[in-house]
């Protein structure tokens, strides 16, 4: 027998797929910064257990916590909230479907096991925030332009 979803978009006993995705983003940003869960928790005034729950998607991350995470991890909110795969959003009971005439672009997922990918990501995170943010906006704009040409 299937368990009924509750109002916060979770099936009883299972985390919401979007919360799990955001948790993975938190874990990735923390790992690239070389921080432990305990260190991140200390900087945010939380326990490592709370960070662990966020990273597993067991606890939902509020908007205020996202702002705190951005400050501590030197990220922008888009890092945690944009580019959520459609398959993940569709697993969330609160998902609002795309308009019929909008088809998301299917982008191949990066292989983080490749040395080249890790070197690129590490080099990116060694840049000052304002340079990273400008580069990110430029790359996203270039991607949109490429999609329009295709």
C-alpha atoms as a PDB file:
ATOM      1  CA  UNK A   1       0.000   0.000   0.000  1.00  0.00           C
ATOM      2  CA  UNK A   2       1.361   3.460  -1.000  1.00  0.00           C
ATOM      3  CA  UNK A   3       1.763   6.074   1.672  1.00  0.00           C
ATOM      4  CA  UNK A   4      -0.124   9.317   1.138  1.00  0.00           C
ATOM      5  CA  UNK A   5       1.821  12.540   0.626  1.00  0.00           C
ATOM      6  CA  UNK A   6       1.447  15.078   3.404  1.00  0.00           C
ATOM      7  CA  UNK A   7       0.973  18.838   2.864  1.00  0.00           C
ATOM      8  CA  UNK A   8       4.697  19.688   2.886  1.00  0.00           C
ATOM      9  CA  UNK A   9       5.309  17.617  -0.238  1.00  0.00           C
ATOM     10  CA  UNK A  10       6.853  14.564   1.400  1.00  0.00           C
ATOM     11  CA  UNK A  11       5.711  10.987   1.243  1.00  0.00           C
ATOM     12  CA  UNK A  12       5.704   9.813   4.830  1.00  0.00           C
ATOM     13  CA  UNK A  13       9.168   8.531   5.715  1.00  0.00           C
ATOM     14  CA  UNK A  14      10.831   9.820   2.537  1.00  0.00           C
ATOM     15  CA  UNK A  15      12.471  13.198   1.902  1.00  0.00           C
ATOM     16  CA  UNK A  16      11.188  15.403  -0.909  1.00  0.00           C
ATOM     17  CA  UNK A  17      13.321  14.973  -4.062  1.00  0.00           C
ATOM     18  CA  UNK A  18      13.876  18.743  -4.326  1.00  0.00           C
ATOM     19  CA  UNK A  19      15.123  18.862  -0.712  1.00  0.00           C
ATOM     20  CA  UNK A  20      17.515  16.006  -1.510  1.00  0.00           C
ATOM     21  CA  UNK A  21      18.801  17.902  -4.578  1.00  0.00           C
ATOM     22  CA  UNK A  22      19.382  21.089  -2.551  1.00  0.00           C
ATOM     23  CA  UNK A  23      21.104  18.983   0.117  1.00  0.00           C
ATOM     24  CA  UNK A  24      23.473  17.581  -2.504  1.00  0.00           C
ATOM     25  CA  UNK A  25      24.257  21.119  -3.640  1.00  0.00           C
ATOM     26  CA  UNK A  26      25.070  22.059  -0.027  1.00  0.00           C
ATOM     27  CA  UNK A  27      27.320  19.018   0.354  1.00  0.00           C
ATOM     28  CA  UNK A  28      29.123  19.762  -2.937  1.00  0.00           C
ATOM     29  CA  UNK A  29      29.750  23.423  -2.020  1.00  0.00           C
ATOM     30  CA  UNK A  30      30.938  22.458   1.468  1.00  0.00           C
ATOM     31  CA  UNK A  31      33.249  19.765   0.096  1.00  0.00           C
ATOM     32  CA  UNK A  32      34.783  22.104  -2.495  1.00  0.00           C
ATOM     33  CA  UNK A  33      35.497  24.551   0.329  1.00  0.00           C
ATOM     34  CA  UNK A  34      37.215  21.753   2.260  1.00  0.00           C
ATOM     35  CA  UNK A  35      34.849  22.112   5.217  1.00  0.00           C
ATOM     36  CA  UNK A  36      33.525  19.418   7.495  1.00  0.00           C
ATOM     37  CA  UNK A  37      29.867  19.314   8.466  1.00  0.00           C
ATOM     38  CA  UNK A  38      30.927  20.361  11.958  1.00  0.00           C
ATOM     39  CA  UNK A  39      32.841  23.394  10.702  1.00  0.00           C
ATOM     40  CA  UNK A  40      29.963  24.540   8.491  1.00  0.00           C
ATOM     41  CA  UNK A  41      27.553  24.034  11.376  1.00  0.00           C
ATOM     42  CA  UNK A  42      29.760  26.041  13.737  1.00  0.00           C
ATOM     43  CA  UNK A  43      29.993  28.935  11.271  1.00  0.00           C
ATOM     44  CA  UNK A  44      26.209  28.931  10.904  1.00  0.00           C
ATOM     45  CA  UNK A  45      25.387  28.418  14.576  1.00  0.00           C
ATOM     46  CA  UNK A  46      24.067  24.891  13.969  1.00  0.00           C
ATOM     47  CA  UNK A  47      25.082  21.378  14.952  1.00  0.00           C
ATOM     48  CA  UNK A  48      26.780  19.050  12.491  1.00  0.00           C
ATOM     49  CA  UNK A  49      23.679  16.853  12.796  1.00  0.00           C
ATOM     50  CA  UNK A  50      21.521  19.669  11.408  1.00  0.00           C
ATOM     51  CA  UNK A  51      23.919  20.133   8.469  1.00  0.00           C
ATOM     52  CA  UNK A  52      23.796  16.368   7.934  1.00  0.00           C
ATOM     53  CA  UNK A  53      19.990  16.453   7.848  1.00  0.00           C
ATOM     54  CA  UNK A  54      20.041  19.334   5.347  1.00  0.00           C
ATOM     55  CA  UNK A  55      22.506  17.456   3.136  1.00  0.00           C
ATOM     56  CA  UNK A  56      20.371  14.298   3.213  1.00  0.00           C
ATOM     57  CA  UNK A  57      17.189  16.228   2.464  1.00  0.00           C
ATOM     58  CA  UNK A  58      15.677  15.035   5.746  1.00  0.00           C
ATOM     59  CA  UNK A  59      15.123  18.650   6.873  1.00  0.00           C
ATOM     60  CA  UNK A  60      13.996  21.410   4.563  1.00  0.00           C
ATOM     61  CA  UNK A  61      16.319  24.421   4.198  1.00  0.00           C
ATOM     62  CA  UNK A  62      14.556  27.755   4.758  1.00  0.00           C
ATOM     63  CA  UNK A  63      15.203  30.870   2.704  1.00  0.00           C
ATOM     64  CA  UNK A  64      17.024  32.443   5.654  1.00  0.00           C
ATOM     65  CA  UNK A  65      19.320  29.407   5.905  1.00  0.00           C
ATOM     66  CA  UNK A  66      20.032  29.598   2.172  1.00  0.00           C
ATOM     67  CA  UNK A  67      21.142  33.205   2.692  1.00  0.00           C
ATOM     68  CA  UNK A  68      23.391  32.055   5.569  1.00  0.00           C
ATOM     69  CA  UNK A  69      24.796  29.236   3.426  1.00  0.00           C
ATOM     70  CA  UNK A  70      25.560  31.720   0.647  1.00  0.00           C
ATOM     71  CA  UNK A  71      27.461  33.929   3.081  1.00  0.00           C
ATOM     72  CA  UNK A  72      29.478  31.111   4.639  1.00  0.00           C
ATOM     73  CA  UNK A  73      30.131  29.143   1.426  1.00  0.00           C
ATOM     74  CA  UNK A  74      30.595  32.240  -0.778  1.00  0.00           C
ATOM     75  CA  UNK A  75      27.834  31.218  -3.165  1.00  0.00           C
ATOM     76  CA  UNK A  76      24.798  32.863  -4.737  1.00  0.00           C
ATOM     77  CA  UNK A  77      21.268  31.528  -4.081  1.00  0.00           C
ATOM     78  CA  UNK A  78      21.065  30.357  -7.695  1.00  0.00           C
ATOM     79  CA  UNK A  79      23.741  27.776  -6.931  1.00  0.00           C
ATOM     80  CA  UNK A  80      21.342  25.958  -4.606  1.00  0.00           C
ATOM     81  CA  UNK A  81      18.047  26.675  -6.344  1.00  0.00           C
ATOM     82  CA  UNK A  82      18.492  26.833 -10.099  1.00  0.00           C
ATOM     83  CA  UNK A  83      19.028  24.117 -12.632  1.00  0.00           C
ATOM     84  CA  UNK A  84      17.015  21.583 -10.627  1.00  0.00           C
ATOM     85  CA  UNK A  85      16.493  18.741 -13.098  1.00  0.00           C
ATOM     86  CA  UNK A  86      12.942  18.334 -14.379  1.00  0.00           C
ATOM     87  CA  UNK A  87      12.961  14.692 -13.245  1.00  0.00           C
ATOM     88  CA  UNK A  88      13.643  15.861  -9.680  1.00  0.00           C
ATOM     89  CA  UNK A  89      10.942  18.541  -9.771  1.00  0.00           C
ATOM     90  CA  UNK A  90       8.418  16.040 -11.120  1.00  0.00           C
ATOM     91  CA  UNK A  91       9.003  13.820  -8.078  1.00  0.00           C
ATOM     92  CA  UNK A  92       7.905  16.618  -5.767  1.00  0.00           C
ATOM     93  CA  UNK A  93       4.147  16.477  -5.087  1.00  0.00           C
ATOM     94  CA  UNK A  94       4.040  20.269  -5.246  1.00  0.00           C
ATOM     95  CA  UNK A  95       5.499  20.373  -8.761  1.00  0.00           C
ATOM     96  CA  UNK A  96       3.871  22.854 -11.118  1.00  0.00           C
ATOM     97  CA  UNK A  97       4.066  21.536 -14.677  1.00  0.00           C
ATOM     98  CA  UNK A  98       5.763  23.446 -17.460  1.00  0.00           C
ATOM     99  CA  UNK A  99       3.573  25.092 -20.076  1.00  0.00           C
ATOM    100  CA  UNK A 100       2.923  22.720 -22.952  1.00  0.00           C
ATOM    101  CA  UNK A 101       4.979  24.750 -25.428  1.00  0.00           C
ATOM    102  CA  UNK A 102       8.100  24.938 -23.219  1.00  0.00           C
ATOM    103  CA  UNK A 103      10.518  22.053 -23.484  1.00  0.00           C
ATOM    104  CA  UNK A 104      13.574  22.158 -21.205  1.00  0.00           C
ATOM    105  CA  UNK A 105      16.935  21.625 -22.860  1.00  0.00           C
ATOM    106  CA  UNK A 106      18.397  18.207 -22.145  1.00  0.00           C
ATOM    107  CA  UNK A 107      21.969  18.898 -21.033  1.00  0.00           C
ATOM    108  CA  UNK A 108      24.401  16.054 -20.435  1.00  0.00           C
ATOM    109  CA  UNK A 109      25.366  15.824 -16.775  1.00  0.00           C
ATOM    110  CA  UNK A 110      29.034  16.566 -16.052  1.00  0.00           C
ATOM    111  CA  UNK A 111      31.256  13.664 -15.049  1.00  0.00           C
ATOM    112  CA  UNK A 112      32.735  14.764 -11.709  1.00  0.00           C
ATOM    113  CA  UNK A 113      34.976  11.709 -11.716  1.00  0.00           C
ATOM    114  CA  UNK A 114      37.044  13.149 -14.563  1.00  0.00           C
ATOM    115  CA  UNK A 115      40.231  14.884 -13.488  1.00  0.00           C
ATOM    116  CA  UNK A 116      39.645  17.719 -15.973  1.00  0.00           C
ATOM    117  CA  UNK A 117      36.228  18.465 -14.466  1.00  0.00           C
ATOM    118  CA  UNK A 118      37.574  18.560 -10.911  1.00  0.00           C
ATOM    119  CA  UNK A 119      40.515  20.786 -11.932  1.00  0.00           C
ATOM    120  CA  UNK A 120      38.134  23.189 -13.673  1.00  0.00           C
ATOM    121  CA  UNK A 121      35.778  23.340 -10.697  1.00  0.00           C
ATOM    122  CA  UNK A 122      38.619  23.826  -8.195  1.00  0.00           C
ATOM    123  CA  UNK A 123      40.143  26.591 -10.324  1.00  0.00           C
ATOM    124  CA  UNK A 124      36.730  28.262 -10.561  1.00  0.00           C
ATOM    125  CA  UNK A 125      36.316  28.240  -6.781  1.00  0.00           C
ATOM    126  CA  UNK A 126      39.760  29.762  -6.323  1.00  0.00           C
ATOM    127  CA  UNK A 127      38.562  32.895  -8.129  1.00  0.00           C
ATOM    128  CA  UNK A 128      37.142  35.849  -6.182  1.00  0.00           C
ATOM    129  CA  UNK A 129      33.349  35.804  -5.823  1.00  0.00           C
ATOM    130  CA  UNK A 130      32.696  38.721  -8.211  1.00  0.00           C
ATOM    131  CA  UNK A 131      34.814  37.121 -10.955  1.00  0.00           C
ATOM    132  CA  UNK A 132      33.097  33.738 -10.499  1.00  0.00           C
ATOM    133  CA  UNK A 133      29.668  35.322 -10.605  1.00  0.00           C
ATOM    134  CA  UNK A 134      30.511  37.276 -13.785  1.00  0.00           C
ATOM    135  CA  UNK A 135      31.914  34.158 -15.432  1.00  0.00           C
ATOM    136  CA  UNK A 136      28.829  32.167 -14.484  1.00  0.00           C
ATOM    137  CA  UNK A 137      26.498  34.772 -15.986  1.00  0.00           C
ATOM    138  CA  UNK A 138      28.617  34.939 -19.157  1.00  0.00           C
ATOM    139  CA  UNK A 139      28.671  31.168 -19.590  1.00  0.00           C
ATOM    140  CA  UNK A 140      24.909  30.901 -19.012  1.00  0.00           C
ATOM    141  CA  UNK A 141      24.272  33.677 -21.551  1.00  0.00           C
ATOM    142  CA  UNK A 142      26.541  31.971 -24.084  1.00  0.00           C
ATOM    143  CA  UNK A 143      24.670  28.709 -23.556  1.00  0.00           C
ATOM    144  CA  UNK A 144      21.331  30.388 -24.189  1.00  0.00           C
ATOM    145  CA  UNK A 145      22.692  32.013 -27.351  1.00  0.00           C
ATOM    146  CA  UNK A 146      24.007  28.635 -28.567  1.00  0.00           C
ATOM    147  CA  UNK A 147      20.589  27.056 -27.959  1.00  0.00           C
ATOM    148  CA  UNK A 148      18.892  29.776 -30.009  1.00  0.00           C
ATOM    149  CA  UNK A 149      21.264  29.146 -32.947  1.00  0.00           C
ATOM    150  CA  UNK A 150      20.709  25.368 -32.903  1.00  0.00           C
END
